[in-house]
N, C-alpha and C. Protein backbone atom coordinates (compact mmCIF):
# COMPACT_ATOMS: atom_id res chain seq x y z
N MET A 1 25.99 14.70 5.72
CA MET A 1 26.29 15.43 6.78
C MET A 1 25.55 15.03 7.82
N LYS A 2 25.57 15.04 8.47
CA LYS A 2 25.21 14.99 9.53
C LYS A 2 23.36 15.69 10.08
N TYR A 3 23.53 16.96 9.63
CA TYR A 3 22.37 17.09 10.20
C TYR A 3 21.24 16.59 9.33
N ILE A 4 21.85 15.76 7.82
CA ILE A 4 21.00 15.46 6.98
C ILE A 4 20.61 14.25 7.77
N GLU A 5 20.91 13.52 8.31
CA GLU A 5 20.21 12.28 9.06
C GLU A 5 19.57 12.39 10.00
N GLN A 6 20.14 13.90 10.92
CA GLN A 6 18.85 13.84 11.78
C GLN A 6 17.65 14.92 11.51
N LYS A 7 17.61 15.34 9.89
CA LYS A 7 16.57 15.69 9.04
C LYS A 7 15.57 14.66 9.11
N ARG A 8 16.05 13.49 8.87
CA ARG A 8 15.31 12.90 8.55
C ARG A 8 14.28 12.25 9.56
N LYS A 9 15.31 12.11 10.52
CA LYS A 9 14.27 11.73 12.47
C LYS A 9 13.41 12.84 12.86
N ILE A 10 13.91 14.10 12.50
CA ILE A 10 12.96 15.50 12.40
C ILE A 10 11.56 15.36 11.49
N ASP A 11 11.54 14.79 9.72
CA ASP A 11 10.66 14.34 9.50
C ASP A 11 9.57 13.41 9.55
N LEU A 12 10.45 12.41 9.97
CA LEU A 12 9.99 11.16 10.72
C LEU A 12 8.64 11.74 11.40
N MET A 13 9.71 12.33 12.43
CA MET A 13 8.22 12.40 13.66
C MET A 13 7.12 13.60 13.56
N LEU A 14 7.49 14.15 12.50
CA LEU A 14 6.53 15.69 12.18
C LEU A 14 5.64 14.89 11.69
N SER A 15 5.85 14.30 10.28
CA SER A 15 4.72 13.45 9.48
C SER A 15 3.74 12.73 10.42
N LEU A 16 4.61 11.76 11.57
CA LEU A 16 3.87 10.91 12.38
C LEU A 16 2.91 11.68 12.98
N ILE A 17 3.50 13.23 13.48
CA ILE A 17 2.58 13.66 14.73
C ILE A 17 1.68 14.25 13.86
N GLY A 18 1.68 14.84 12.48
CA GLY A 18 1.06 15.61 11.39
C GLY A 18 -0.16 14.78 11.35
N LEU A 19 -0.34 13.26 10.69
CA LEU A 19 -1.09 12.49 10.41
C LEU A 19 -2.08 12.29 11.34
N VAL A 20 -1.19 12.11 12.89
CA VAL A 20 -2.55 11.75 14.10
C VAL A 20 -3.28 13.24 14.54
N VAL A 21 -2.64 14.35 14.02
CA VAL A 21 -3.11 15.34 14.56
C VAL A 21 -4.21 16.16 13.44
N LEU A 22 -3.53 15.63 12.38
CA LEU A 22 -4.84 16.34 11.60
C LEU A 22 -5.55 15.47 10.67
N ALA A 23 -5.76 14.05 11.08
CA ALA A 23 -6.64 13.33 10.49
C ALA A 23 -8.23 13.66 10.97
N PRO A 24 -8.97 14.40 11.74
CA PRO A 24 -9.98 14.84 11.52
C PRO A 24 -10.07 16.11 10.34
N LEU A 25 -9.53 17.30 10.50
CA LEU A 25 -9.11 17.60 9.37
C LEU A 25 -9.22 16.96 8.03
N PHE A 26 -8.68 16.06 7.62
CA PHE A 26 -8.14 15.14 6.98
C PHE A 26 -9.69 14.32 6.26
N ILE A 27 -10.68 13.79 6.63
CA ILE A 27 -11.26 13.49 7.23
C ILE A 27 -12.46 14.39 6.50
N GLY A 28 -12.52 15.85 7.48
CA GLY A 28 -13.25 16.46 6.99
C GLY A 28 -13.29 17.11 5.48
N ILE A 29 -11.92 17.23 5.24
CA ILE A 29 -11.84 17.32 3.67
C ILE A 29 -12.19 16.43 2.68
N MET A 30 -12.11 15.45 2.60
CA MET A 30 -12.27 14.41 2.40
C MET A 30 -13.71 13.91 1.57
N ILE A 31 -14.47 14.02 3.29
CA ILE A 31 -16.20 14.26 2.90
C ILE A 31 -16.84 15.27 1.80
N ALA A 32 -15.69 16.34 2.49
CA ALA A 32 -16.43 17.62 1.48
C ALA A 32 -16.08 17.71 -0.05
N ILE A 33 -15.11 16.93 -0.73
CA ILE A 33 -14.64 17.12 -1.44
C ILE A 33 -15.50 15.79 -2.40
N LYS A 34 -15.92 14.61 -1.81
CA LYS A 34 -16.92 13.83 -2.05
C LYS A 34 -18.44 14.19 -2.14
N LEU A 35 -18.90 15.31 -1.39
CA LEU A 35 -19.91 16.02 -1.28
C LEU A 35 -20.19 16.43 -2.52
N GLU A 36 -19.21 17.07 -3.29
CA GLU A 36 -19.16 18.24 -3.82
C GLU A 36 -19.37 17.70 -5.59
N SER A 37 -18.49 16.70 -5.98
CA SER A 37 -18.23 15.96 -7.01
C SER A 37 -17.79 14.78 -6.99
N LYS A 38 -18.01 14.32 -7.77
CA LYS A 38 -17.82 12.95 -8.42
C LYS A 38 -16.18 12.77 -8.70
N GLY A 39 -15.59 11.61 -8.16
CA GLY A 39 -14.79 11.35 -8.52
C GLY A 39 -13.60 10.88 -7.00
N PRO A 40 -11.91 10.73 -7.30
CA PRO A 40 -11.37 10.05 -6.51
C PRO A 40 -10.96 11.40 -5.11
N VAL A 41 -10.92 10.97 -4.31
CA VAL A 41 -10.76 12.14 -3.32
C VAL A 41 -9.15 12.76 -3.52
N PHE A 42 -8.29 11.30 -3.70
CA PHE A 42 -6.83 12.21 -3.97
C PHE A 42 -6.08 12.07 -5.30
N PHE A 43 -5.05 13.30 -5.47
CA PHE A 43 -4.70 12.44 -7.18
C PHE A 43 -3.27 12.53 -6.89
N LYS A 44 -2.64 11.81 -7.62
CA LYS A 44 -1.16 11.62 -7.70
C LYS A 44 -0.93 12.47 -9.31
N GLN A 45 0.45 13.11 -8.81
CA GLN A 45 1.25 13.43 -10.40
C GLN A 45 3.10 13.16 -10.47
N LYS A 46 3.40 13.07 -11.45
CA LYS A 46 4.80 12.27 -11.58
C LYS A 46 5.76 14.05 -11.04
N ARG A 47 6.48 13.36 -10.28
CA ARG A 47 7.31 14.79 -9.62
C ARG A 47 8.82 13.41 -9.94
N VAL A 48 9.92 14.85 -9.10
CA VAL A 48 11.56 14.72 -9.56
C VAL A 48 12.06 14.57 -8.31
N GLY A 49 11.90 13.59 -7.49
CA GLY A 49 12.24 13.19 -6.49
C GLY A 49 14.36 13.23 -5.96
N LEU A 50 14.77 12.51 -4.94
CA LEU A 50 16.39 12.62 -4.52
C LEU A 50 16.99 12.12 -6.07
N HIS A 51 18.07 12.77 -6.40
CA HIS A 51 18.82 12.54 -7.48
C HIS A 51 18.16 12.34 -8.64
N ARG A 52 17.24 13.37 -9.15
CA ARG A 52 16.44 13.02 -10.18
C ARG A 52 15.71 11.24 -10.40
N SER A 53 15.60 11.22 -9.45
CA SER A 53 14.59 9.66 -9.42
C SER A 53 13.01 10.55 -9.50
N HIS A 54 11.96 9.33 -9.68
CA HIS A 54 10.73 9.90 -9.88
C HIS A 54 10.06 9.42 -9.35
N PHE A 55 8.93 9.95 -8.35
CA PHE A 55 7.68 9.54 -7.36
C PHE A 55 6.41 10.21 -7.39
N ASN A 56 5.63 9.55 -6.84
CA ASN A 56 4.31 10.21 -7.54
C ASN A 56 4.12 11.04 -6.33
N ILE A 57 3.50 12.49 -6.21
CA ILE A 57 3.16 13.09 -5.20
C ILE A 57 1.57 13.67 -5.19
N LEU A 58 1.14 13.05 -3.93
CA LEU A 58 -0.39 13.17 -3.32
C LEU A 58 -0.75 14.47 -3.21
N LYS A 59 -1.72 14.94 -3.33
CA LYS A 59 -2.62 15.99 -3.47
C LYS A 59 -4.19 15.57 -3.46
N PHE A 60 -5.22 16.67 -2.34
CA PHE A 60 -6.40 16.33 -2.56
C PHE A 60 -6.99 17.09 -4.16
N ARG A 61 -7.58 15.99 -4.69
CA ARG A 61 -8.63 16.56 -5.89
C ARG A 61 -8.84 17.87 -5.39
N THR A 62 -9.07 18.67 -6.85
CA THR A 62 -9.24 20.48 -6.50
C THR A 62 -9.58 20.58 -7.77
N MET A 63 -10.30 19.09 -8.70
CA MET A 63 -10.93 19.72 -9.93
C MET A 63 -11.63 18.73 -10.54
N ARG A 64 -12.92 19.28 -11.50
CA ARG A 64 -13.82 18.47 -11.78
C ARG A 64 -13.12 17.06 -12.27
N ILE A 65 -13.90 15.79 -12.61
CA ILE A 65 -12.90 14.55 -13.20
C ILE A 65 -13.07 15.29 -14.91
N ASP A 66 -13.88 15.66 -15.37
CA ASP A 66 -14.00 16.30 -16.45
C ASP A 66 -12.85 16.79 -16.90
N ALA A 67 -11.76 17.42 -16.35
CA ALA A 67 -10.79 18.19 -16.75
C ALA A 67 -9.94 17.57 -17.67
N PRO A 68 -9.24 18.09 -18.63
CA PRO A 68 -8.09 17.14 -19.24
C PRO A 68 -6.80 16.08 -18.12
N LYS A 69 -6.89 15.00 -18.38
CA LYS A 69 -6.45 14.54 -17.97
C LYS A 69 -5.30 14.41 -17.80
N ASP A 70 -4.32 14.84 -19.48
CA ASP A 70 -3.67 14.74 -19.82
C ASP A 70 -2.65 15.91 -19.86
N THR A 71 -3.07 16.52 -18.88
CA THR A 71 -2.82 18.34 -19.53
C THR A 71 -3.06 18.78 -17.97
N PRO A 72 -1.34 19.17 -17.58
CA PRO A 72 -1.46 19.72 -15.75
C PRO A 72 -1.87 21.18 -16.14
N THR A 73 -2.12 21.40 -14.97
CA THR A 73 -2.85 22.87 -14.89
C THR A 73 -2.44 23.93 -15.39
N HIS A 74 -0.99 24.33 -15.10
CA HIS A 74 -0.69 25.43 -15.95
C HIS A 74 -0.16 25.28 -17.39
N LEU A 75 -0.95 24.29 -18.17
CA LEU A 75 -1.37 24.51 -19.26
C LEU A 75 -3.01 24.78 -19.67
N LEU A 76 -3.11 25.08 -18.71
CA LEU A 76 -4.39 24.98 -19.07
C LEU A 76 -4.98 26.23 -19.38
N GLY A 77 -5.59 26.59 -20.49
CA GLY A 77 -6.04 28.17 -20.51
C GLY A 77 -6.39 28.50 -19.61
N ASP A 78 -7.49 28.07 -19.11
CA ASP A 78 -8.70 28.51 -18.43
C ASP A 78 -9.06 27.54 -16.64
N PRO A 79 -8.03 27.40 -15.84
CA PRO A 79 -8.05 26.58 -15.26
C PRO A 79 -9.29 26.60 -14.06
N GLU A 80 -9.65 27.63 -13.98
CA GLU A 80 -10.50 27.94 -13.15
C GLU A 80 -12.13 27.63 -13.30
N GLN A 81 -12.23 27.43 -14.82
CA GLN A 81 -13.76 26.19 -14.98
C GLN A 81 -13.35 25.30 -14.53
N TYR A 82 -12.36 24.43 -14.29
CA TYR A 82 -12.20 22.71 -14.04
C TYR A 82 -12.31 22.74 -12.03
N ILE A 83 -12.17 24.13 -12.02
CA ILE A 83 -11.54 24.00 -10.03
C ILE A 83 -13.17 23.87 -9.53
N THR A 84 -13.16 22.83 -8.68
CA THR A 84 -14.39 22.97 -7.67
C THR A 84 -14.28 24.08 -6.87
N LYS A 85 -15.67 24.32 -6.19
CA LYS A 85 -15.32 25.72 -5.09
C LYS A 85 -14.45 24.82 -4.11
N VAL A 86 -14.73 23.71 -3.51
CA VAL A 86 -13.83 23.20 -2.17
C VAL A 86 -12.47 23.37 -2.74
N GLY A 87 -12.35 22.73 -3.93
CA GLY A 87 -10.87 22.95 -4.21
C GLY A 87 -10.32 24.48 -5.04
N LYS A 88 -10.71 25.11 -4.86
CA LYS A 88 -10.43 26.75 -5.13
C LYS A 88 -10.10 26.82 -3.48
N PHE A 89 -11.01 26.56 -2.17
CA PHE A 89 -10.91 26.93 -0.93
C PHE A 89 -9.54 26.21 -0.93
N LEU A 90 -9.53 24.81 -1.12
CA LEU A 90 -8.31 23.81 -0.38
C LEU A 90 -6.28 24.54 -1.61
N ARG A 91 -6.70 25.22 -2.64
CA ARG A 91 -5.61 26.32 -2.95
C ARG A 91 -5.05 27.17 -2.54
N LYS A 92 -6.51 27.82 -2.09
CA LYS A 92 -6.17 29.44 -1.40
C LYS A 92 -5.25 28.88 -0.16
N THR A 93 -5.72 27.71 0.29
CA THR A 93 -4.96 27.97 1.72
C THR A 93 -3.92 26.79 1.89
N SER A 94 -3.43 26.43 0.61
CA SER A 94 -2.85 25.04 0.43
C SER A 94 -2.94 23.88 1.66
N LEU A 95 -3.92 23.75 1.71
CA LEU A 95 -4.35 22.53 2.60
C LEU A 95 -4.68 21.59 1.43
N ASP A 96 -4.53 22.13 0.05
CA ASP A 96 -4.86 20.28 -1.02
C ASP A 96 -2.89 19.53 -0.99
N GLU A 97 -1.81 20.52 -0.27
CA GLU A 97 -0.62 19.63 -0.57
C GLU A 97 -0.49 18.82 1.10
N LEU A 98 -1.76 18.68 2.24
CA LEU A 98 -1.51 17.87 3.33
C LEU A 98 -0.96 16.48 2.70
N PRO A 99 -2.20 16.16 1.95
CA PRO A 99 -1.16 14.50 1.27
C PRO A 99 -0.01 14.08 1.73
N GLN A 100 0.69 15.33 0.94
CA GLN A 100 2.36 15.12 0.54
C GLN A 100 2.97 14.72 2.47
N ILE A 101 2.05 14.73 3.27
CA ILE A 101 2.83 14.29 4.44
C ILE A 101 2.76 12.79 4.28
N ILE A 102 2.21 12.34 4.05
CA ILE A 102 2.30 10.68 3.29
C ILE A 102 3.66 10.47 2.83
N ASN A 103 4.11 11.16 1.93
CA ASN A 103 4.86 11.12 1.11
C ASN A 103 6.38 11.81 1.54
N ILE A 104 6.42 12.25 2.70
CA ILE A 104 6.90 12.69 4.21
C ILE A 104 7.21 11.76 4.65
N LEU A 105 6.25 10.67 5.08
CA LEU A 105 6.27 9.71 6.15
C LEU A 105 7.44 8.17 5.33
N THR A 106 7.05 8.36 4.41
CA THR A 106 7.75 7.07 3.14
C THR A 106 8.67 7.52 2.66
N GLY A 107 9.46 8.44 2.90
CA GLY A 107 11.08 9.15 2.87
C GLY A 107 10.84 9.47 1.40
N GLU A 108 9.75 9.76 0.88
CA GLU A 108 10.04 10.53 -1.08
C GLU A 108 9.90 11.82 -0.65
N MET A 109 9.82 12.67 0.24
CA MET A 109 9.98 14.25 0.44
C MET A 109 10.06 14.79 2.49
N SER A 110 10.84 15.60 2.07
CA SER A 110 11.17 15.81 3.76
C SER A 110 9.90 17.68 3.93
N VAL A 111 10.15 17.99 5.12
CA VAL A 111 9.15 18.82 5.51
C VAL A 111 9.77 20.00 4.48
N ILE A 112 11.09 20.23 4.97
CA ILE A 112 11.76 21.60 4.15
C ILE A 112 13.09 21.17 3.30
N GLY A 113 12.53 21.67 2.00
CA GLY A 113 13.37 21.82 0.48
C GLY A 113 12.98 21.84 -0.63
N PRO A 114 13.51 21.70 -1.48
CA PRO A 114 13.27 22.45 -2.63
C PRO A 114 12.10 21.33 -2.74
N ARG A 115 10.83 22.86 -3.76
CA ARG A 115 9.38 21.65 -4.18
C ARG A 115 9.85 20.94 -5.26
N PRO A 116 9.14 19.77 -5.13
CA PRO A 116 9.43 18.64 -6.45
C PRO A 116 9.18 19.37 -7.58
N ALA A 117 10.31 19.40 -8.69
CA ALA A 117 9.71 19.84 -9.68
C ALA A 117 8.62 18.56 -10.78
N LEU A 118 7.82 18.83 -11.74
CA LEU A 118 7.30 18.03 -12.54
C LEU A 118 8.14 17.08 -13.72
N TRP A 119 8.14 16.40 -13.70
CA TRP A 119 9.08 15.30 -14.30
C TRP A 119 9.48 15.97 -15.47
N ASN A 120 8.47 16.69 -15.89
CA ASN A 120 9.35 16.96 -17.24
C ASN A 120 9.56 18.61 -17.13
N GLN A 121 9.98 19.56 -16.12
CA GLN A 121 9.94 20.90 -16.20
C GLN A 121 11.78 20.79 -16.24
N TYR A 122 12.06 20.16 -17.52
CA TYR A 122 13.92 20.37 -18.06
C TYR A 122 14.59 21.55 -17.38
N ASP A 123 14.16 22.50 -17.84
CA ASP A 123 15.15 23.64 -17.64
C ASP A 123 15.22 23.53 -15.77
N LEU A 124 14.00 23.61 -15.48
CA LEU A 124 14.18 23.63 -13.59
C LEU A 124 14.98 22.64 -13.70
N ILE A 125 14.77 21.21 -13.79
CA ILE A 125 15.83 20.72 -12.97
C ILE A 125 17.42 20.91 -13.38
N GLU A 126 17.39 21.52 -15.08
CA GLU A 126 19.22 21.49 -15.09
C GLU A 126 19.52 22.34 -14.20
N GLU A 127 18.94 23.28 -14.12
CA GLU A 127 19.34 24.47 -13.53
C GLU A 127 20.07 24.33 -12.24
N ARG A 128 18.85 23.15 -11.36
CA ARG A 128 19.06 23.32 -10.49
C ARG A 128 20.17 22.07 -9.45
N GLU A 129 20.61 21.46 -10.89
CA GLU A 129 21.61 20.85 -11.00
C GLU A 129 22.71 21.42 -10.80
N LYS A 130 23.04 22.65 -10.92
CA LYS A 130 24.06 23.62 -11.31
C LYS A 130 24.59 24.20 -9.30
N TYR A 131 23.45 23.67 -8.72
CA TYR A 131 23.30 23.94 -7.24
C TYR A 131 23.58 22.85 -6.26
N GLY A 132 23.06 21.60 -6.93
CA GLY A 132 23.29 20.61 -6.18
C GLY A 132 21.41 20.02 -5.58
N ALA A 133 21.17 21.02 -5.71
CA ALA A 133 19.08 21.18 -5.29
C ALA A 133 19.00 19.82 -5.71
N ASN A 134 19.29 18.76 -6.36
CA ASN A 134 18.58 18.02 -7.23
C ASN A 134 18.93 16.44 -5.91
N ASP A 135 19.96 16.79 -5.31
CA ASP A 135 20.45 15.56 -4.28
C ASP A 135 20.56 15.67 -3.42
N ILE A 136 18.99 16.70 -2.86
CA ILE A 136 18.22 16.16 -1.12
C ILE A 136 17.17 16.07 -1.53
N LEU A 137 16.52 15.84 -0.51
CA LEU A 137 14.96 15.20 -0.79
C LEU A 137 14.13 16.40 -1.00
N PRO A 138 13.40 16.40 -1.87
CA PRO A 138 12.30 17.60 -2.23
C PRO A 138 11.25 17.67 -0.71
N GLY A 139 10.84 18.94 -1.04
CA GLY A 139 10.02 19.23 0.64
C GLY A 139 8.40 19.92 0.27
N LEU A 140 8.01 19.92 1.37
CA LEU A 140 6.67 20.67 1.60
C LEU A 140 6.52 21.73 1.19
N THR A 141 7.56 22.55 1.67
CA THR A 141 7.87 23.78 1.23
C THR A 141 9.53 24.18 1.35
N GLY A 142 9.97 25.42 0.92
CA GLY A 142 11.46 25.39 0.97
C GLY A 142 11.52 27.19 0.88
N TRP A 143 12.80 27.15 0.77
CA TRP A 143 13.35 28.85 0.76
C TRP A 143 12.63 29.30 -0.72
N ALA A 144 12.77 29.17 -0.59
CA ALA A 144 12.01 29.60 -2.24
C ALA A 144 10.32 29.60 -2.25
N GLN A 145 9.48 28.68 -1.78
CA GLN A 145 8.39 29.10 -1.38
C GLN A 145 7.83 30.54 -0.64
N ILE A 146 8.92 30.53 0.05
CA ILE A 146 8.56 32.12 0.74
C ILE A 146 9.43 33.34 0.58
N ASN A 147 9.81 32.89 -0.71
CA ASN A 147 10.59 34.24 -1.58
C ASN A 147 10.34 34.68 -2.70
N GLY A 148 8.83 34.12 -2.97
CA GLY A 148 8.34 34.12 -4.15
C GLY A 148 7.38 33.68 -4.80
N ARG A 149 7.39 32.07 -4.64
CA ARG A 149 6.79 30.95 -4.77
C ARG A 149 6.30 30.85 -6.82
N ASP A 150 5.48 31.02 -6.93
CA ASP A 150 4.83 30.93 -8.69
C ASP A 150 5.70 31.93 -9.41
N GLU A 151 5.74 33.45 -8.65
CA GLU A 151 5.98 34.16 -9.30
C GLU A 151 7.23 34.20 -9.57
N LEU A 152 7.91 33.17 -9.25
CA LEU A 152 9.54 33.08 -9.55
C LEU A 152 9.91 32.48 -10.83
N PRO A 153 10.87 33.38 -11.86
CA PRO A 153 11.42 32.50 -13.14
C PRO A 153 12.36 31.91 -12.38
N ILE A 154 12.63 30.21 -13.66
CA ILE A 154 13.55 29.38 -12.98
C ILE A 154 14.17 29.86 -12.51
N GLU A 155 15.10 30.59 -13.36
CA GLU A 155 16.65 30.54 -12.56
C GLU A 155 16.78 31.71 -11.37
N ILE A 156 15.51 32.20 -10.65
CA ILE A 156 15.61 32.73 -9.55
C ILE A 156 15.36 31.91 -8.57
N LYS A 157 14.55 30.93 -8.92
CA LYS A 157 13.94 29.94 -8.23
C LYS A 157 15.07 28.76 -7.71
N ALA A 158 15.91 28.22 -8.66
CA ALA A 158 16.96 27.22 -8.73
C ALA A 158 18.20 28.12 -7.89
N LYS A 159 18.22 29.65 -7.88
CA LYS A 159 19.10 29.89 -7.00
C LYS A 159 18.75 29.83 -5.86
N LEU A 160 17.65 30.11 -5.55
CA LEU A 160 17.59 30.04 -4.07
C LEU A 160 17.38 28.77 -3.41
N ASP A 161 16.57 27.89 -4.34
CA ASP A 161 17.28 26.71 -3.83
C ASP A 161 18.70 25.98 -3.13
N GLY A 162 19.52 26.92 -4.35
CA GLY A 162 20.84 26.88 -3.89
C GLY A 162 21.47 27.69 -3.05
N ASP A 163 20.41 28.44 -2.73
CA ASP A 163 21.25 29.61 -1.23
C ASP A 163 20.92 28.34 0.09
N TYR A 164 19.66 27.72 0.06
CA TYR A 164 18.74 26.70 0.77
C TYR A 164 19.95 25.62 1.15
N ILE A 165 20.18 25.31 -0.42
CA ILE A 165 21.68 23.62 0.18
C ILE A 165 22.79 24.63 0.98
N SER A 166 23.30 25.80 0.40
CA SER A 166 24.29 26.13 1.27
C SER A 166 24.53 26.66 2.50
N ASN A 167 23.17 27.18 2.58
CA ASN A 167 22.86 27.34 4.14
C ASN A 167 21.82 25.87 5.06
N ILE A 168 21.71 25.10 4.32
CA ILE A 168 21.19 23.86 5.05
C ILE A 168 21.38 23.10 6.72
N GLY A 169 20.47 23.94 7.89
CA GLY A 169 20.81 23.20 9.15
C GLY A 169 19.61 23.64 9.79
N PHE A 170 19.52 22.93 10.91
CA PHE A 170 18.41 23.58 11.33
C PHE A 170 17.43 25.05 11.99
N THR A 171 18.53 25.84 12.48
CA THR A 171 18.41 27.69 11.53
C THR A 171 17.48 27.58 10.55
N MET A 172 17.94 27.35 9.20
CA MET A 172 17.24 27.23 8.09
C MET A 172 15.63 26.96 7.24
N ASP A 173 15.68 25.82 8.45
CA ASP A 173 14.63 24.99 8.13
C ASP A 173 13.84 25.80 8.68
N VAL A 174 13.91 26.05 10.38
CA VAL A 174 12.84 26.96 11.21
C VAL A 174 12.60 28.26 10.31
N LYS A 175 13.40 28.61 9.39
CA LYS A 175 13.09 29.85 9.05
C LYS A 175 12.14 29.45 7.49
N CYS A 176 12.13 28.32 7.52
CA CYS A 176 11.15 28.49 6.14
C CYS A 176 10.07 27.75 6.86
N PHE A 177 10.16 27.24 7.97
CA PHE A 177 8.75 26.84 8.16
C PHE A 177 7.76 27.75 8.85
N ILE A 178 8.54 29.09 9.80
CA ILE A 178 7.61 29.75 10.15
C ILE A 178 7.05 30.83 8.77
N GLY A 179 7.99 31.19 8.10
CA GLY A 179 8.13 31.70 6.55
C GLY A 179 6.75 31.13 5.84
N THR A 180 6.47 29.87 5.74
CA THR A 180 5.43 29.26 5.04
C THR A 180 4.22 29.56 5.68
N ILE A 181 4.49 29.54 7.23
CA ILE A 181 2.79 29.82 7.84
C ILE A 181 2.29 31.48 7.39
N ILE A 182 3.63 32.34 7.83
CA ILE A 182 3.07 33.78 6.79
C ILE A 182 2.94 34.02 5.46
N SER A 183 3.01 33.13 5.14
CA SER A 183 2.88 32.94 3.58
C SER A 183 2.22 32.56 2.87
N VAL A 184 1.48 31.50 3.73
CA VAL A 184 0.10 30.80 3.47
C VAL A 184 -1.05 31.63 3.92
N ILE A 185 -0.90 32.63 5.24
CA ILE A 185 -2.05 33.00 5.39
C ILE A 185 -1.93 34.30 4.87
N LYS A 186 -0.83 35.19 4.39
CA LYS A 186 -0.87 36.06 3.22
C LYS A 186 -1.62 35.53 2.18
N ARG A 187 -1.34 34.75 1.53
CA ARG A 187 -1.60 34.07 0.28
C ARG A 187 -0.57 34.66 -0.59
N GLU A 188 1.06 34.95 -0.04
CA GLU A 188 2.30 35.35 -0.91
C GLU A 188 2.50 34.87 -2.62
N GLY A 189 2.21 35.18 -3.54
CA GLY A 189 3.20 34.83 -4.63
C GLY A 189 2.18 33.07 -5.39
N VAL A 190 0.98 33.07 -5.01
CA VAL A 190 0.12 32.04 -5.77
C VAL A 190 -0.39 32.58 -6.67
N ILE A 191 -0.02 32.03 -7.90
CA ILE A 191 -0.63 32.11 -9.61
C ILE A 191 -1.35 30.88 -9.62
N GLU A 192 -2.71 31.03 -10.08
CA GLU A 192 -3.24 30.00 -10.40
C GLU A 192 -3.08 29.09 -12.01
N GLY A 193 -2.45 27.55 -11.29
CA GLY A 193 -2.06 27.38 -12.51
C GLY A 193 -0.80 27.47 -13.09
N GLY A 194 0.00 28.37 -11.88
CA GLY A 194 1.41 28.55 -11.92
C GLY A 194 2.19 27.78 -11.36
N THR A 195 3.48 27.40 -12.06
CA THR A 195 4.57 26.33 -11.34
C THR A 195 5.90 26.79 -11.42
N GLY A 196 6.04 28.43 -10.81
CA GLY A 196 7.04 28.90 -11.00
C GLY A 196 7.76 28.78 -11.75
N GLY A 197 6.99 29.78 -13.13
CA GLY A 197 8.14 29.92 -14.34
C GLY A 197 8.04 29.03 -15.68
N ILE A 198 7.37 27.46 -15.03
CA ILE A 198 7.13 26.89 -16.37
C ILE A 198 6.48 27.18 -17.37
N GLU A 199 6.09 28.42 -17.58
CA GLU A 199 5.16 28.61 -18.73
C GLU A 199 6.45 28.84 -20.46
N THR A 200 7.60 29.04 -19.29
CA THR A 200 8.41 29.53 -20.33
C THR A 200 9.66 28.34 -20.12
N THR A 201 9.36 27.49 -20.03
CA THR A 201 10.12 26.19 -19.79
C THR A 201 9.92 25.44 -21.46
N LYS A 202 11.04 25.02 -21.96
CA LYS A 202 11.00 24.44 -23.20
C LYS A 202 10.17 22.46 -22.93
N ILE A 203 9.41 22.31 -23.16
CA ILE A 203 8.85 21.33 -22.57
C ILE A 203 8.98 20.05 -24.20
N THR A 204 10.02 19.02 -24.00
CA THR A 204 10.50 18.40 -25.60
C THR A 204 9.83 17.06 -25.95
N THR A 205 8.92 16.32 -24.76
CA THR A 205 8.38 15.52 -24.56
C THR A 205 7.39 14.97 -25.61
N SER A 206 7.08 14.31 -26.03
CA SER A 206 6.06 14.13 -26.92
C SER A 206 4.74 13.30 -26.36
N ALA A 207 4.02 14.40 -27.90
CA ALA A 207 2.40 14.15 -27.21
C ALA A 207 1.69 12.64 -26.67
N ASP A 208 2.77 11.81 -27.36
CA ASP A 208 3.02 10.26 -26.17
C ASP A 208 3.18 10.01 -25.29
N SER A 209 3.87 10.23 -25.12
CA SER A 209 4.68 10.58 -23.21
C SER A 209 3.81 10.89 -22.77
N LEU A 210 3.17 12.20 -22.74
CA LEU A 210 2.37 13.48 -22.43
C LEU A 210 1.03 12.50 -21.67
N GLN A 211 0.72 12.08 -22.71
CA GLN A 211 -0.79 11.14 -22.39
C GLN A 211 -0.22 9.76 -21.52
N ALA A 212 0.59 9.10 -21.56
CA ALA A 212 1.30 8.15 -20.87
C ALA A 212 1.66 8.66 -19.25
N GLU A 213 2.07 9.84 -18.98
CA GLU A 213 2.75 10.13 -18.37
C GLU A 213 2.32 11.26 -17.03
N GLU A 214 1.24 11.88 -17.41
CA GLU A 214 0.70 13.21 -16.78
C GLU A 214 0.31 12.73 -15.77
N ALA A 215 -0.02 13.78 -14.92
CA ALA A 215 -1.41 13.54 -13.67
C ALA A 215 -2.40 12.21 -13.49
N LYS A 216 -2.11 11.06 -13.17
CA LYS A 216 -3.22 10.28 -13.01
C LYS A 216 -4.00 10.07 -11.86
N ILE A 217 -4.82 10.03 -11.81
CA ILE A 217 -6.19 10.01 -10.85
C ILE A 217 -5.96 9.13 -9.97
N VAL A 218 -6.13 8.65 -8.67
CA VAL A 218 -5.33 7.96 -8.00
C VAL A 218 -7.07 7.17 -7.39
N GLN A 219 -7.57 5.72 -8.08
CA GLN A 219 -8.85 5.47 -7.72
C GLN A 219 -9.37 5.20 -6.16
């Protein structure tokens, strides 16, 4: 699609501008994280990218280093006990997602698109396949994000991703961008530890695979 080519150029431009403009904020957050708790500033997590390939998504660290490293947040019974004070603020404001600007710059993500699934969210990945949602770059935010976010069951989330694919274009991306700003301000659809219905997803990997592949702290 012609717009897809233009979309990548827009992503590159916005990510470069974002890194420059937000540099002071990045530095401030990094200092706050280091002052409150020991450990690295960033963490990476294996996610599903274009054509079901895998990449490491970047986020600001929001949990203590003694949090279970082989268990994703949505599988923790009480994630609040591990989340730092700075981390709670970052999650509430979605500022923990800012490092993904780097993922956008490197071409692993787009500003707008389906949110990248965890590598073991097999139900969501397969459901998205029905709509071709695995065949475009995942996004920092997207249509499903502004229409329910963590509250959405997998089938609805995948359907909304499909709606985005069917209507992809500059106007649709602008709607998602503006809608994201509104959602962040209102903090709509955010469930701590939730990932859009993954609680009901069948995760069939072995314990050994989970230990080997789950989110790894970036040193």
